Protein backbone atom coordinates (compact mmCIF):
# COMPACT_ATOMS: atom_id res chain seq x y z
CA MET A 1 -85.19 -30.62 -35.13
CA ASN A 2 -88.69 -31.97 -33.86
CA CYS A 3 -89.73 -33.30 -30.26
CA PRO A 4 -90.10 -36.97 -30.47
CA ARG A 5 -93.33 -36.93 -29.01
CA CYS A 6 -95.48 -34.05 -30.41
CA SER A 7 -93.31 -33.23 -33.57
CA ALA A 8 -92.93 -29.91 -32.21
CA GLU A 9 -90.50 -27.76 -33.79
CA LEU A 10 -87.53 -27.29 -31.32
CA PRO A 11 -84.41 -25.33 -31.88
CA ASP A 12 -81.23 -27.82 -32.20
CA SER A 13 -79.94 -26.60 -28.89
CA ALA A 14 -83.14 -27.35 -26.88
CA SER A 15 -82.96 -30.08 -24.28
CA SER A 16 -86.50 -30.93 -23.78
CA CYS A 17 -89.72 -29.88 -26.03
CA THR A 18 -91.41 -26.37 -24.99
CA ARG A 19 -94.74 -27.58 -25.92
CA CYS A 20 -95.24 -31.32 -24.12
CA GLY A 21 -92.08 -31.25 -21.82
CA SER A 22 -90.87 -33.95 -23.14
CA PRO A 23 -86.64 -34.56 -23.35
CA VAL A 24 -85.10 -34.66 -26.72
CA TRP A 25 -83.95 -38.12 -25.78
CA GLU A 26 -85.29 -41.62 -26.29
CA THR A 27 -84.50 -44.64 -24.80
CA GLY A 28 -81.24 -43.37 -24.09
CA ASN A 29 -80.40 -42.36 -27.62
CA GLN A 30 -79.45 -38.59 -28.20
CA ILE A 31 -81.70 -37.58 -31.43
CA ARG A 32 -79.65 -34.20 -31.60
CA PRO A 33 -78.20 -34.26 -35.20
CA ALA A 34 -74.59 -35.19 -35.67
CA SER A 35 -73.64 -31.72 -36.97
CA TYR A 36 -74.95 -30.44 -34.14
CA THR A 37 -72.63 -27.78 -32.57
CA TYR A 38 -72.66 -24.94 -29.94
CA LEU A 39 -71.04 -22.23 -32.18
CA PRO A 40 -73.17 -20.11 -33.79
CA ALA A 41 -74.27 -20.09 -37.21
CA GLY A 42 -71.86 -18.64 -39.67
CA SER A 43 -68.53 -19.57 -36.97
CA PRO A 44 -66.04 -21.46 -38.76
CA PRO A 45 -65.54 -25.10 -37.97
CA TRP A 46 -63.39 -26.17 -34.77
CA PRO A 47 -60.32 -27.22 -35.27
CA THR A 48 -59.21 -30.61 -35.61
CA THR A 49 -55.78 -30.69 -35.53
CA ALA A 50 -53.42 -28.96 -32.86
CA PRO A 51 -52.20 -25.78 -33.52
CA GLN A 52 -48.44 -24.79 -33.96
CA GLY A 53 -46.49 -24.84 -30.55
CA TYR A 54 -49.39 -27.05 -28.72
CA SER A 55 -49.59 -31.01 -28.23
CA TYR A 56 -51.79 -33.42 -26.60
CA MET A 57 -51.77 -36.08 -24.44
CA ALA A 58 -53.91 -38.28 -22.16
CA ALA A 59 -53.86 -38.02 -18.68
CA GLY A 60 -55.75 -40.80 -17.30
CA SER A 61 -59.43 -40.48 -18.88
CA ALA A 62 -59.01 -36.87 -19.41
CA LEU A 63 -57.46 -34.70 -21.89
CA ALA A 64 -54.53 -32.65 -20.99
CA THR A 65 -52.64 -29.83 -22.93
CA THR A 66 -49.18 -28.79 -22.83
CA THR A 67 -48.11 -25.77 -24.40
CA ALA A 68 -44.92 -25.49 -25.71
CA ARG A 69 -42.95 -22.48 -24.75
CA PRO A 70 -41.72 -20.74 -27.90
CA THR A 71 -38.29 -20.03 -29.50
CA GLN A 72 -36.61 -17.22 -30.28
CA GLU A 73 -36.91 -18.74 -34.20
CA SER A 74 -40.47 -18.90 -33.73
CA ALA A 75 -40.70 -15.29 -32.16
CA GLY A 76 -38.95 -13.70 -35.26
CA ILE A 77 -35.94 -13.33 -33.23
CA PRO A 78 -32.80 -14.81 -34.25
CA GLY A 79 -30.52 -16.19 -32.10
CA THR A 80 -30.54 -19.45 -29.86
CA SER A 81 -33.33 -21.22 -28.75
CA SER A 82 -32.60 -20.61 -24.92
CA VAL A 83 -30.94 -17.91 -23.43
CA SER A 84 -29.29 -18.81 -19.96
CA ALA A 85 -28.69 -15.79 -17.56
CA PRO A 86 -25.10 -15.26 -16.85
CA ARG A 87 -23.76 -17.25 -13.72
CA LYS A 88 -21.72 -15.16 -11.30
CA SER A 89 -18.23 -16.18 -10.94
CA LYS A 90 -17.28 -17.96 -7.70
CA LEU A 91 -13.63 -17.08 -8.12
CA GLY A 92 -14.36 -13.40 -8.61
CA ILE A 93 -13.39 -12.37 -4.85
CA PRO A 94 -10.74 -14.62 -4.42
CA LEU A 95 -8.89 -13.45 -7.56
CA ILE A 96 -9.26 -9.80 -6.52
CA ILE A 97 -7.72 -10.42 -3.27
CA ALA A 98 -5.00 -12.44 -4.75
CA LEU A 99 -4.32 -9.80 -7.14
CA PHE A 100 -4.13 -7.31 -4.53
CA LEU A 101 -1.68 -9.09 -2.60
CA ALA A 102 0.48 -9.89 -5.68
CA SER A 103 1.20 -6.19 -5.99
CA ILE A 104 1.85 -5.58 -2.45
CA LEU A 105 4.84 -8.50 -2.60
CA VAL A 106 5.69 -7.15 -5.88
CA GLY A 107 6.08 -3.71 -5.07
CA GLY A 108 7.45 -4.46 -1.35
CA GLY A 109 10.07 -6.66 -3.59
CA GLY A 110 11.17 -4.09 -5.73
CA THR A 111 11.79 -1.39 -2.84
CA LEU A 112 13.71 -3.86 -0.99
CA GLY A 113 15.85 -4.90 -4.57
CA ILE A 114 16.36 -1.06 -4.63
CA LEU A 115 17.74 -0.72 -0.97
CA TYR A 116 19.97 -3.47 -1.28
CA ALA A 117 21.48 -2.14 -4.85
CA ASN A 118 22.16 1.26 -2.92
CA GLY A 119 23.88 -0.85 -0.48
CA LEU A 120 21.66 -0.37 2.28
CA PHE A 121 21.54 -3.69 2.95
CA SER A 122 24.97 -5.22 2.49
CA PRO A 123 26.90 -6.99 5.08
CA GLY A 124 29.11 -4.11 6.44
CA SER A 125 27.25 -1.26 5.38
CA PRO A 126 25.53 0.70 8.02
CA SER A 127 22.01 1.87 7.09
CA GLN A 128 20.45 5.31 8.35
CA ALA A 129 19.26 6.37 11.08
CA ALA A 130 15.63 5.79 12.13
CA SER A 131 14.71 9.41 11.65
CA PRO A 132 16.55 10.41 8.44
CA VAL A 133 18.33 13.51 8.22
CA THR A 134 17.20 16.38 6.35
CA LEU A 135 19.63 19.75 6.51
CA PRO A 136 18.54 22.77 7.63
CA SER A 137 19.64 25.66 5.53
CA PRO A 138 21.57 28.28 8.19
CA GLN A 139 19.18 30.91 9.04
CA SER A 140 20.56 34.47 10.29
CA SER A 141 20.28 35.34 14.12
CA GLY A 142 19.69 38.96 13.84
CA ALA A 143 17.63 41.32 11.73
CA GLY A 144 19.49 42.12 8.54
CA ALA A 145 22.47 39.81 9.11
CA THR A 146 23.48 37.55 6.28
CA PRO A 147 25.40 34.16 6.44
CA SER A 148 28.75 35.89 5.61
CA ALA A 149 28.65 38.26 8.42
CA GLN A 150 27.31 35.11 10.71
CA ALA A 151 30.85 33.52 9.81
CA THR A 152 31.93 34.62 12.85
CA GLN A 153 28.85 35.54 14.90
CA LEU A 154 27.71 31.94 16.09
CA PRO A 155 25.76 32.17 19.24
CA ASP A 156 27.97 31.26 21.99
CA PRO A 157 27.05 27.67 23.77
CA GLY A 158 25.31 27.58 27.12
CA PRO A 159 26.63 25.95 30.33
CA ALA A 160 27.76 22.22 29.80
CA GLN A 161 25.78 19.40 30.88
CA THR A 162 27.04 15.63 31.00
CA LEU A 163 24.83 13.16 29.36
CA LYS A 164 25.72 9.52 30.21
CA LEU A 165 24.33 7.02 27.73
CA THR A 166 24.40 4.01 29.39
CA ASP A 167 22.72 2.23 25.93
CA LEU A 168 25.52 3.17 24.25
CA GLY A 169 28.25 2.77 26.89
CA VAL A 170 29.55 6.45 27.10
CA SER A 171 29.23 9.78 28.38
CA VAL A 172 29.38 13.43 26.91
CA GLN A 173 28.92 16.88 27.55
CA PHE A 174 27.33 19.35 25.41
CA PRO A 175 25.64 23.10 25.27
CA SER A 176 22.68 22.88 27.88
CA ASP A 177 21.02 25.18 24.97
CA TRP A 178 21.23 22.31 22.33
CA GLN A 179 18.69 19.43 22.04
CA LYS A 180 19.51 15.21 21.96
CA VAL A 181 17.55 13.16 19.45
CA GLY A 182 17.51 9.54 20.57
CA PRO A 183 18.83 7.28 21.00
CA SER A 184 17.72 5.46 18.24
CA PRO A 185 18.21 1.95 17.02
CA THR A 186 18.74 1.61 13.17
CA SER A 187 17.64 -1.12 11.31
CA SER A 188 20.91 -2.80 11.34
CA ASN A 189 20.24 -2.93 15.37
CA ASP A 190 22.97 0.41 15.82
CA LEU A 191 22.22 2.86 18.27
CA GLU A 192 22.79 6.29 17.42
CA VAL A 193 22.07 9.75 19.31
CA ALA A 194 22.08 12.99 17.62
CA LEU A 195 22.95 16.43 19.29
CA ARG A 196 22.27 19.70 17.53
CA PRO A 197 21.67 23.52 18.44
CA GLN A 198 17.82 24.55 18.55
CA GLN A 199 18.76 27.30 15.96
CA GLN A 200 18.64 26.40 12.71
CA LEU A 201 22.55 26.76 12.16
CA GLY A 202 22.83 23.55 9.76
CA ILE A 203 25.52 21.72 12.48
CA ASP A 204 24.70 18.60 13.56
CA VAL A 205 26.63 15.92 16.09
CA ARG A 206 26.15 12.14 15.74
CA ILE A 207 27.49 9.38 18.23
CA ARG A 208 26.96 5.97 17.10
CA ARG A 209 27.62 2.58 18.45
CA ASP A 210 27.60 -0.36 15.63
CA SER A 211 25.75 -3.29 16.52
CA SER A 212 27.68 -6.42 17.32
CA ASN A 213 26.99 -7.75 13.27
CA THR A 214 27.71 -4.90 12.00
CA SER A 215 31.27 -4.57 14.08
CA ALA A 216 32.12 -8.16 12.48
CA SER A 217 31.94 -6.66 9.48
CA TYR A 218 34.54 -4.32 9.63
CA SER A 219 38.44 -5.23 9.66
CA SER A 220 39.26 -1.38 10.83
CA PRO A 221 38.03 2.15 11.92
CA ASN A 222 39.06 3.21 8.31
CA GLN A 223 36.30 0.68 6.59
CA ALA A 224 33.82 1.73 9.15
CA ASN A 225 34.40 5.44 7.97
CA GLN A 226 34.18 4.76 4.48
CA ALA A 227 30.55 2.49 4.90
CA ASN A 228 29.51 5.81 7.21
CA LEU A 229 30.00 7.77 4.23
CA MET A 230 28.21 5.85 1.76
CA ALA A 231 25.54 5.42 4.16
CA PHE A 232 25.25 9.36 4.71
CA SER A 233 25.64 9.84 1.00
CA GLN A 234 21.77 8.47 1.12
CA PHE A 235 20.58 10.91 3.22
CA GLN A 236 17.58 13.68 2.24
CA GLY A 237 19.26 16.81 1.22
CA VAL A 238 22.88 15.36 0.67
CA ASN A 239 24.30 15.84 -2.52
CA ASN A 240 27.54 15.57 -4.10
CA LEU A 241 29.47 13.97 -1.54
CA GLN A 242 32.79 14.04 -1.89
CA ALA A 243 35.78 12.08 0.18
CA THR A 244 38.77 14.45 0.83
CA THR A 245 41.59 13.63 3.38
CA THR A 246 42.34 11.40 5.85
CA GLY A 247 43.89 11.48 9.17
CA THR A 248 43.30 10.64 12.86
CA ARG A 249 42.12 12.74 15.50
CA THR A 250 42.17 12.65 19.80
CA VAL A 251 38.86 11.91 21.27
CA GLY A 252 38.90 11.48 25.07
CA GLY A 253 42.39 10.74 25.63
CA ALA A 254 42.53 8.39 22.27
CA GLN A 255 43.50 8.42 18.93
CA TRP A 256 40.86 7.62 16.20
CA ASP A 257 40.93 7.54 12.33
CA GLU A 258 39.41 10.27 10.75
CA GLN A 259 37.99 10.33 7.11
CA ASP A 260 36.92 13.86 5.66
CA ALA A 261 34.30 15.07 3.08
CA THR A 262 32.57 17.82 1.26
CA PHE A 263 28.77 18.33 -0.01
CA THR A 264 26.35 20.75 -0.37
CA ASP A 265 22.70 21.00 0.51
CA SER A 266 19.68 21.16 -1.50
CA ASN A 267 20.34 24.97 -1.77
CA ASN A 268 23.45 24.44 -2.75
CA LEU A 269 25.30 25.25 0.38
CA PRO A 270 28.59 23.97 0.35
CA TYR A 271 29.61 22.00 4.04
CA LYS A 272 32.11 20.07 5.55
CA PHE A 273 31.36 16.78 7.11
CA VAL A 274 33.71 14.72 9.47
CA SER A 275 33.50 10.97 10.17
CA ILE A 276 35.91 9.45 12.88
CA SER A 277 35.61 5.96 14.03
CA VAL A 278 37.23 3.41 16.63
CA LYS A 279 37.04 0.27 18.03
CA HIS A 280 36.36 -0.44 21.84
CA ALA A 281 35.44 -3.72 23.58
CA ASN A 282 35.04 -5.72 20.45
CA SER A 283 32.61 -2.87 19.14
CA TYR A 284 33.01 0.44 16.75
CA TYR A 285 32.15 3.70 17.52
CA THR A 286 31.44 6.37 14.87
CA ILE A 287 31.57 10.06 15.93
CA TYR A 288 30.14 11.97 12.99
CA PHE A 289 29.52 15.95 12.26
CA TYR A 290 28.57 18.25 9.74
CA THR A 291 29.01 22.21 9.78
CA PRO A 292 28.37 24.95 7.14
CA ASN A 293 31.71 25.63 5.07
CA MET A 294 31.37 29.28 6.24
CA TYR A 295 31.90 28.87 9.62
CA PHE A 296 33.17 25.21 10.28
CA THR A 297 36.18 26.56 12.22
CA GLU A 298 34.07 28.35 14.57
CA ALA A 299 31.82 25.89 15.40
CA MET A 300 34.48 23.50 15.93
CA GLN A 301 36.02 25.48 18.19
CA LYS A 302 32.78 26.79 20.44
CA TYR A 303 30.69 23.01 20.23
CA ILE A 304 32.41 20.24 18.74
CA GLN A 305 35.73 20.00 19.86
CA PRO A 306 34.31 20.51 23.71
CA ILE A 307 32.56 17.83 22.54
CA LEU A 308 34.89 15.26 21.80
CA ASN A 309 37.32 16.37 24.22
CA SER A 310 34.64 15.48 27.23
CA PHE A 311 33.61 12.17 25.44
CA LYS A 312 34.28 8.95 27.60
CA PHE A 313 33.54 5.56 27.52
CA LEU A 314 31.66 4.27 30.43
CA SER A 315 33.70 0.80 30.68
């Protein structure tokens, strides 16, 4: 273009004349040509339409531009236009806790059902003692001894000591070298005490006073003996318990009903089992004992019969 004052040749981008210094404006009108552009020569024309993905809107007197977020389809990725981050379920932790508690209830209910089916919670059936019996196999007392040789060689009992069981309301004498376990309550609230040699001879004597609820479920001492056999058959190590003879036995000067039985332990060793019961002061009392067959007679003479003879009720 030319300077409006001195007609000097000026570049299109000039704002004043390089010769006379005059501005390239005249009377407020720009004399730049309508085709004026800031782009270098040879550049493509400035776009007059908005490219794809952009939109223009006026904000007051200024031109505002907003950019649209490209979708998966526009980027060549198949799928939805937006992907939401997975939300964590608020029910996750409560649901896990609920399942855990449910498993405990189901497992506990199944266990109680099994015990009920076995008669351990049925009325009139005495439950096992707090510490179930694990039968020890008799061991020889000397080097080279065998069970058959030991049949007439049980150790002599120590001096008798008197045991007063006020919780059970009885007193009894037993060898001083024996041990006492209990009294321990059963799950039916019966009270039971165990007397046994310190050596592993497979001999055990137990005295139990049934609770008022258990006693009320019996109509006779014989029924108490039958329930006692049923409960004992559930003890660990007791196999193939078979009832044999019935009768009476004198204990502390009184007649008790007796029920005999046989069983085998985990090593297939045969045992004899005796349960005797009596009703005293509206409560049923049961004494039961067992010993290997091979020295049952000797055990009765040395240990068990003296215990039965010393038995007394305190009131």
